Amino acid sequence: MSDDLEIRLRGPGAYALARQAVEQMEKHGVWPTALNFEIWMYYVAAPDSALGREVARLLTTGEAFTDKVSDELAALYLPKARLNEQIRDAGDQLSKELASVSQAIQSAQKSSEAYGQTLADASQSLGAQVDVDALRKTVDNLASATKRVQRENKSLEKRLAESSAEVSKLREHLEQVRRDATTDGLTNLANRKSFDDELARACAEADAKGEALTLAVIDIDHFKSFNDTWGHQTGDQVIRYVASVIGRVGAPPRFAARYGGEEFALIFPGEGADMAAGTLEEIREEVSSRILKRRSTNEDLGAITVSAGVAQRRPGENGHSVMERADAALYASKRSGRNRVTNAEPVANAA
């Protein structure tokens, strides 16, 4: 499911989609459970998506929309359900690995106990007066027991090595799942959820250290009309270009994210508004300095410009509040003619 669709489902237009989803559910006799509602929201928002086409197929064939069908659709097509499924699969695989290793260890323990008993018996036999044949038998028993223990130990070492490799693979897989869950698919910047989490963390850290923290919001100018003129694919090309500039400038310890369709956000830990505004001017100038071409036809798309708002966090201020002030500064940039950076403090003073 695309991040753009996720954004649509969390914007003002989502109310109309919700009403449409409920109407369609009632029309087709689908119970309004939370999962069904989520599926039908995606269906009415993107009927041409894989989920939309599958729901349409079910409606055409007259197949009942049961709880089982809903669960299967969610597992296949809904982002959170797919993520949970991947995590569950990894957990199941890890449990199997641990059970296998535990079994191998138990087997080795039994072998060691048996070997210990063999040694004890041998010690008792050797302590008594024995003839040559009895001595030879005792030695043979010890040799056989030693070989069995060696085989068990080698088998255990091999199994532990295999398990270690499998656990490493699982760790890498889960790390990739985590990255996928926190990354915007179009730009490879952090996504909205990841940004919200990072902003809350950065605010707490700024209070703990007594340091400055500045937040910036950046928006591509006239993007809707650009999209209407050139199409969504070319619009995506522009978003990726702007994201590449922001991502490079917003490398750690800064934090760059795609906040909405054509909107981006930057966190500047330890930096004041003036320093952040200077960085935003660099972004603005670099973006507007390049004449983009349409990949499919090589047509000139003209210069792209961005507007930005910047707000320095006040001591104890929460992330939502500083975001609102940065947004207000962004809209001030838009009202003032776009292609500019506005500081939230002068905006507040002017108000």
Protein backbone atom coordinates (compact mmCIF):
# COMPACT_ATOMS: atom_id res chain seq x y z
CA MET A 1 0.00 0.00 0.00
CA SER A 2 1.52 3.33 -1.03
CA ASP A 3 2.46 6.03 1.47
CA ASP A 4 0.43 8.54 -0.59
CA LEU A 5 -2.68 6.45 0.04
CA GLU A 6 -1.86 6.31 3.74
CA ILE A 7 -1.65 10.11 3.72
CA ARG A 8 -5.04 10.41 1.94
CA LEU A 9 -6.62 8.19 4.56
CA ARG A 10 -5.41 10.55 7.29
CA GLY A 11 -6.34 13.84 5.63
CA PRO A 12 -9.58 15.88 5.52
CA GLY A 13 -10.84 13.89 2.52
CA ALA A 14 -10.89 10.74 4.66
CA TYR A 15 -14.30 11.72 6.10
CA ALA A 16 -15.92 11.46 2.68
CA LEU A 17 -14.14 8.15 2.07
CA ALA A 18 -15.37 6.86 5.44
CA ARG A 19 -18.98 7.70 4.59
CA GLN A 20 -18.59 6.02 1.21
CA ALA A 21 -17.05 2.93 2.83
CA VAL A 22 -19.94 2.58 5.29
CA GLU A 23 -22.50 3.01 2.49
CA GLN A 24 -20.80 0.32 0.41
CA MET A 25 -20.55 -2.05 3.38
CA GLU A 26 -24.24 -1.62 4.14
CA LYS A 27 -25.13 -2.06 0.45
CA HIS A 28 -23.28 -5.38 0.26
CA GLY A 29 -24.32 -6.65 3.69
CA VAL A 30 -20.84 -6.46 5.24
CA TRP A 31 -20.76 -6.12 9.01
CA PRO A 32 -19.08 -2.85 10.13
CA THR A 33 -16.31 -4.43 12.20
CA ALA A 34 -13.09 -2.48 12.67
CA LEU A 35 -11.17 -4.74 10.27
CA ASN A 36 -13.91 -4.67 7.62
CA PHE A 37 -14.08 -0.89 7.86
CA GLU A 38 -10.32 -0.59 7.34
CA ILE A 39 -10.45 -2.90 4.32
CA TRP A 40 -13.34 -1.01 2.75
CA MET A 41 -11.68 2.34 3.38
CA TYR A 42 -8.74 1.13 1.31
CA TYR A 43 -11.15 -0.28 -1.28
CA VAL A 44 -13.07 2.98 -1.87
CA ALA A 45 -9.87 5.07 -1.70
CA ALA A 46 -7.96 2.97 -4.24
CA PRO A 47 -10.27 0.66 -6.23
CA ASP A 48 -7.49 -0.01 -8.76
CA SER A 49 -5.06 -1.25 -6.09
CA ALA A 50 -4.43 -4.95 -5.54
CA LEU A 51 -6.75 -4.92 -2.52
CA GLY A 52 -9.38 -2.95 -4.43
CA ARG A 53 -9.34 -5.38 -7.33
CA GLU A 54 -9.64 -8.38 -5.01
CA VAL A 55 -12.62 -6.87 -3.16
CA ALA A 56 -14.25 -6.10 -6.53
CA ARG A 57 -13.70 -9.70 -7.60
CA LEU A 58 -15.32 -11.01 -4.43
CA LEU A 59 -18.33 -8.76 -4.99
CA THR A 60 -18.63 -9.88 -8.62
CA THR A 61 -18.53 -13.56 -7.73
CA GLY A 62 -20.96 -13.07 -4.87
CA GLU A 63 -18.59 -14.64 -2.35
CA ALA A 64 -19.61 -13.98 1.27
CA PHE A 65 -17.49 -11.40 3.08
CA THR A 66 -16.82 -13.56 6.16
CA ASP A 67 -14.40 -12.94 9.02
CA LYS A 68 -12.06 -15.49 7.46
CA VAL A 69 -12.09 -13.61 4.14
CA SER A 70 -11.39 -10.34 5.96
CA ASP A 71 -8.47 -11.87 7.86
CA GLU A 72 -6.98 -13.24 4.62
CA LEU A 73 -7.34 -9.89 2.83
CA ALA A 74 -5.74 -8.07 5.76
CA ALA A 75 -2.81 -10.49 5.91
CA LEU A 76 -2.18 -10.11 2.17
CA TYR A 77 -2.76 -6.41 1.60
CA LEU A 78 -2.87 -4.28 4.75
CA PRO A 79 0.53 -2.82 5.75
CA LYS A 80 0.20 -3.35 9.52
CA ALA A 81 -1.17 -6.86 9.09
CA ARG A 82 1.70 -7.77 6.75
CA LEU A 83 4.21 -6.36 9.22
CA ASN A 84 2.66 -8.27 12.12
CA GLU A 85 2.66 -11.44 10.01
CA GLN A 86 6.35 -11.02 9.22
CA ILE A 87 7.15 -10.51 12.89
CA ARG A 88 5.08 -13.55 13.87
CA ASP A 89 6.82 -15.66 11.23
CA ALA A 90 10.21 -14.57 12.49
CA GLY A 91 9.15 -15.33 16.05
CA ASP A 92 7.92 -18.80 15.07
CA GLN A 93 11.17 -19.53 13.27
CA LEU A 94 13.19 -18.35 16.25
CA SER A 95 11.11 -20.57 18.55
CA LYS A 96 11.82 -23.58 16.30
CA GLU A 97 15.54 -22.79 16.36
CA LEU A 98 15.59 -22.53 20.14
CA ALA A 99 13.65 -25.81 20.49
CA SER A 100 16.08 -27.57 18.15
CA VAL A 101 19.11 -26.25 20.02
CA SER A 102 17.53 -27.22 23.34
CA GLN A 103 17.00 -30.75 22.04
CA ALA A 104 20.63 -30.96 20.88
CA ILE A 105 21.86 -29.77 24.28
CA GLN A 106 19.68 -32.31 26.09
CA SER A 107 21.04 -35.07 23.89
CA ALA A 108 24.61 -33.97 24.64
CA GLN A 109 23.83 -33.85 28.37
CA LYS A 110 22.49 -37.44 28.28
CA SER A 111 25.59 -38.54 26.40
CA SER A 112 27.83 -36.85 28.96
CA GLU A 113 25.94 -38.47 31.84
CA ALA A 114 26.31 -41.87 30.21
CA TYR A 115 30.01 -41.22 29.67
CA GLY A 116 30.38 -40.26 33.31
CA GLN A 117 28.76 -43.52 34.35
CA THR A 118 31.07 -45.45 32.02
CA LEU A 119 34.09 -43.77 33.62
CA ALA A 120 32.78 -44.58 37.08
CA ASP A 121 32.27 -48.22 36.14
CA ALA A 122 35.74 -48.34 34.59
CA SER A 123 37.27 -46.85 37.72
CA GLN A 124 35.57 -49.46 39.85
CA SER A 125 36.70 -52.28 37.53
CA LEU A 126 40.29 -51.06 37.47
CA GLY A 127 40.30 -50.75 41.24
CA ALA A 128 39.74 -54.46 41.54
CA GLN A 129 42.13 -57.12 40.42
CA VAL A 130 41.21 -57.99 36.86
CA ASP A 131 42.65 -60.26 34.24
CA VAL A 132 43.90 -59.11 30.84
CA ASP A 133 40.64 -59.86 29.02
CA ALA A 134 38.60 -57.88 31.53
CA LEU A 135 41.05 -54.99 31.31
CA ARG A 136 40.88 -55.05 27.51
CA LYS A 137 37.05 -54.97 27.67
CA THR A 138 37.12 -51.99 30.04
CA VAL A 139 39.48 -50.09 27.74
CA ASP A 140 37.31 -50.90 24.72
CA ASN A 141 34.24 -49.63 26.58
CA LEU A 142 36.06 -46.40 27.44
CA ALA A 143 37.19 -45.91 23.84
CA SER A 144 33.67 -46.48 22.51
CA ALA A 145 32.15 -44.13 25.07
CA THR A 146 34.74 -41.46 24.27
CA LYS A 147 33.96 -41.68 20.55
CA ARG A 148 30.23 -41.36 21.24
CA VAL A 149 30.80 -38.23 23.31
CA GLN A 150 33.06 -36.77 20.62
CA ARG A 151 30.38 -37.39 18.00
CA GLU A 152 27.72 -35.78 20.18
CA ASN A 153 29.94 -32.77 20.86
CA LYS A 154 30.70 -32.30 17.17
CA SER A 155 27.01 -32.59 16.34
CA LEU A 156 26.18 -30.03 19.02
CA GLU A 157 28.90 -27.65 17.80
CA LYS A 158 27.59 -27.93 14.24
CA ARG A 159 24.00 -27.36 15.33
CA LEU A 160 24.97 -24.35 17.44
CA ALA A 161 26.90 -22.87 14.49
CA GLU A 162 23.90 -23.41 12.19
CA SER A 163 21.56 -21.91 14.75
CA SER A 164 23.82 -18.90 15.23
CA ALA A 165 23.78 -18.28 11.47
CA GLU A 166 19.99 -18.67 11.35
CA VAL A 167 19.47 -16.27 14.25
CA SER A 168 21.74 -13.74 12.49
CA LYS A 169 19.57 -14.04 9.37
CA LEU A 170 16.45 -13.56 11.45
CA ARG A 171 17.99 -10.50 13.09
CA GLU A 172 18.79 -9.01 9.69
CA HIS A 173 15.27 -9.81 8.45
CA LEU A 174 13.65 -8.15 11.46
CA GLU A 175 15.92 -5.12 11.03
CA GLN A 176 14.76 -4.87 7.41
CA VAL A 177 11.14 -5.17 8.54
CA ARG A 178 11.75 -2.38 11.04
CA ARG A 179 13.31 -0.19 8.34
CA ASP A 180 10.40 -0.86 5.99
CA ALA A 181 7.93 0.08 8.71
CA THR A 182 9.64 3.41 9.40
CA THR A 183 10.69 4.42 5.86
CA ASP A 184 8.73 6.24 3.16
CA GLY A 185 8.66 3.98 0.11
CA LEU A 186 8.93 6.73 -2.50
CA THR A 187 11.77 8.82 -1.04
CA ASN A 188 13.57 6.48 1.39
CA LEU A 189 13.31 9.21 4.02
CA ALA A 190 11.72 8.49 7.38
CA ASN A 191 7.92 8.28 7.23
CA ARG A 192 5.35 10.21 9.26
CA LYS A 193 5.16 7.71 12.12
CA SER A 194 8.92 7.54 12.44
CA PHE A 195 9.09 11.34 12.44
CA ASP A 196 6.47 11.65 15.20
CA ASP A 197 8.39 9.15 17.35
CA GLU A 198 11.71 10.91 16.73
CA LEU A 199 10.27 14.36 17.50
CA ALA A 200 8.94 13.16 20.86
CA ARG A 201 12.31 11.57 21.65
CA ALA A 202 14.22 14.69 20.55
CA CYS A 203 12.04 16.96 22.73
CA ALA A 204 12.71 14.79 25.79
CA GLU A 205 16.44 14.75 25.05
CA ALA A 206 16.55 18.53 24.57
CA ASP A 207 14.95 19.02 28.00
CA ALA A 208 17.31 16.51 29.61
CA LYS A 209 20.41 18.18 28.13
CA GLY A 210 19.13 21.75 28.22
CA GLU A 211 19.90 22.11 24.52
CA ALA A 212 18.20 23.90 21.66
CA LEU A 213 15.94 22.06 19.22
CA THR A 214 14.57 23.46 15.99
CA LEU A 215 11.92 22.06 13.67
CA ALA A 216 11.40 22.94 10.00
CA VAL A 217 8.56 22.15 7.60
CA ILE A 218 9.21 22.29 3.83
CA ASP A 219 6.59 22.21 1.08
CA ILE A 220 6.96 22.02 -2.73
CA ASP A 221 5.34 25.09 -4.28
CA HIS A 222 2.37 24.71 -6.67
CA PHE A 223 2.71 20.95 -6.57
CA LYS A 224 -0.96 20.19 -7.19
CA SER A 225 -1.07 22.16 -10.43
CA PHE A 226 2.25 20.61 -11.42
CA ASN A 227 0.80 17.15 -10.82
CA ASP A 228 -2.33 17.99 -12.81
CA THR A 229 -0.20 19.20 -15.73
CA TRP A 230 2.47 16.50 -15.87
CA GLY A 231 0.92 13.52 -14.10
CA HIS A 232 1.65 11.60 -10.92
CA GLN A 233 4.71 9.76 -12.19
CA THR A 234 6.47 13.01 -13.03
CA GLY A 235 5.23 14.40 -9.71
CA ASP A 236 6.88 11.47 -7.97
CA GLN A 237 10.09 12.28 -9.83
CA VAL A 238 9.99 15.82 -8.39
CA ILE A 239 9.27 14.56 -4.87
CA ARG A 240 12.24 12.18 -5.06
CA TYR A 241 14.51 14.98 -6.27
CA VAL A 242 13.53 17.37 -3.47
CA ALA A 243 13.80 14.51 -0.96
CA SER A 244 17.34 13.74 -2.13
CA VAL A 245 18.41 17.32 -1.38
CA ILE A 246 16.67 17.37 2.00
CA GLY A 247 17.98 13.91 2.89
CA ARG A 248 21.58 14.88 2.17
CA VAL A 249 21.35 18.08 4.22
CA GLY A 250 19.33 16.34 6.92
CA ALA A 251 21.84 13.54 7.55
CA PRO A 252 22.36 12.55 11.23
CA PRO A 253 22.37 14.01 13.80
CA ARG A 254 19.61 15.89 11.96
CA PHE A 255 16.48 13.94 11.07
CA ALA A 256 14.68 14.25 7.73
CA ALA A 257 11.23 12.82 6.95
CA ARG A 258 8.49 12.93 4.36
CA TYR A 259 5.63 14.32 6.41
CA GLY A 260 2.85 14.39 3.80
CA GLY A 261 2.34 14.20 0.05
CA GLU A 262 4.71 17.03 -0.98
CA GLU A 263 5.59 18.13 2.56
CA PHE A 264 8.80 17.33 4.42
CA ALA A 265 10.04 17.92 7.95
CA LEU A 266 13.51 18.37 9.44
CA ILE A 267 14.58 18.14 13.07
CA PHE A 268 17.70 20.10 14.05
CA PRO A 269 18.89 18.87 17.48
CA GLY A 270 21.24 21.25 19.25
CA GLU A 271 20.66 24.01 16.65
CA GLY A 272 18.83 27.32 16.95
CA ALA A 273 16.35 28.78 14.48
CA ASP A 274 18.87 31.10 12.81
CA MET A 275 21.29 28.29 12.03
CA ALA A 276 18.45 26.07 10.80
CA ALA A 277 17.07 28.89 8.64
CA GLY A 278 20.46 29.23 6.98
CA THR A 279 20.43 25.52 6.16
CA LEU A 280 16.91 25.80 4.75
CA GLU A 281 18.05 28.65 2.50
CA GLU A 282 20.72 26.31 1.13
CA ILE A 283 18.06 23.70 0.41
CA ARG A 284 15.78 26.26 -1.21
CA GLU A 285 18.55 27.62 -3.44
CA GLU A 286 19.78 24.18 -4.50
CA VAL A 287 16.28 22.94 -5.38
CA SER A 288 15.44 26.02 -7.46
CA SER A 289 18.81 26.10 -9.22
CA ARG A 290 18.17 22.95 -11.24
CA ILE A 291 15.96 22.71 -14.31
CA LEU A 292 14.31 19.30 -14.23
CA LYS A 293 13.44 17.25 -17.29
CA ARG A 294 10.66 14.74 -17.69
CA ARG A 295 12.27 11.31 -17.88
CA SER A 296 9.85 9.81 -20.38
CA THR A 297 10.00 12.66 -22.94
CA ASN A 298 13.00 14.78 -21.88
CA GLU A 299 10.71 17.85 -21.77
CA ASP A 300 11.77 20.75 -19.57
CA LEU A 301 9.72 20.87 -16.39
CA GLY A 302 11.10 24.24 -15.38
CA ALA A 303 12.44 25.19 -11.99
CA ILE A 304 10.98 23.73 -8.81
CA THR A 305 10.75 25.89 -5.71
CA VAL A 306 10.04 25.15 -2.07
CA SER A 307 8.72 27.16 0.84
CA ALA A 308 9.70 26.53 4.45
CA GLY A 309 8.80 27.44 7.98
CA VAL A 310 11.13 27.08 10.95
CA ALA A 311 10.41 27.15 14.69
CA GLN A 312 12.80 26.87 17.61
CA ARG A 313 11.35 24.82 20.44
CA ARG A 314 10.63 26.60 23.68
CA PRO A 315 11.69 24.90 26.95
CA GLY A 316 9.13 22.25 27.89
CA GLU A 317 7.17 22.68 24.65
CA ASN A 318 5.72 19.47 23.21
CA GLY A 319 6.27 18.30 19.66
CA HIS A 320 2.70 19.04 18.54
CA SER A 321 2.98 22.67 19.61
CA VAL A 322 6.32 23.33 17.91
CA MET A 323 4.99 21.60 14.78
CA GLU A 324 1.99 23.95 14.73
CA ARG A 325 4.30 26.98 14.94
CA ALA A 326 6.54 25.67 12.16
CA ASP A 327 3.41 25.07 10.05
CA ALA A 328 2.22 28.62 10.69
CA ALA A 329 5.61 29.90 9.50
CA LEU A 330 5.34 27.73 6.38
CA TYR A 331 1.93 29.20 5.53
CA ALA A 332 3.38 32.67 6.07
CA SER A 333 5.99 31.81 3.42
CA LYS A 334 3.19 30.69 1.09
CA ARG A 335 1.19 33.88 1.64
CA SER A 336 4.27 36.02 1.06
CA GLY A 337 4.86 34.68 -2.44
CA ARG A 338 6.45 31.27 -1.84
CA ASN A 339 10.07 30.23 -2.50
CA ARG A 340 11.20 31.56 0.87
CA VAL A 341 11.98 30.62 4.49
CA THR A 342 10.03 32.14 7.40
CA ASN A 343 10.94 32.05 11.10
CA ALA A 344 8.03 31.36 13.45
CA GLU A 345 9.08 33.94 16.07
CA PRO A 346 8.74 37.04 13.89
CA VAL A 347 5.41 35.64 12.66
CA ALA A 348 4.19 35.28 16.26
CA ASN A 349 5.39 38.78 17.15
CA ALA A 350 3.66 40.26 14.11
CA ALA A 351 0.42 38.54 15.10
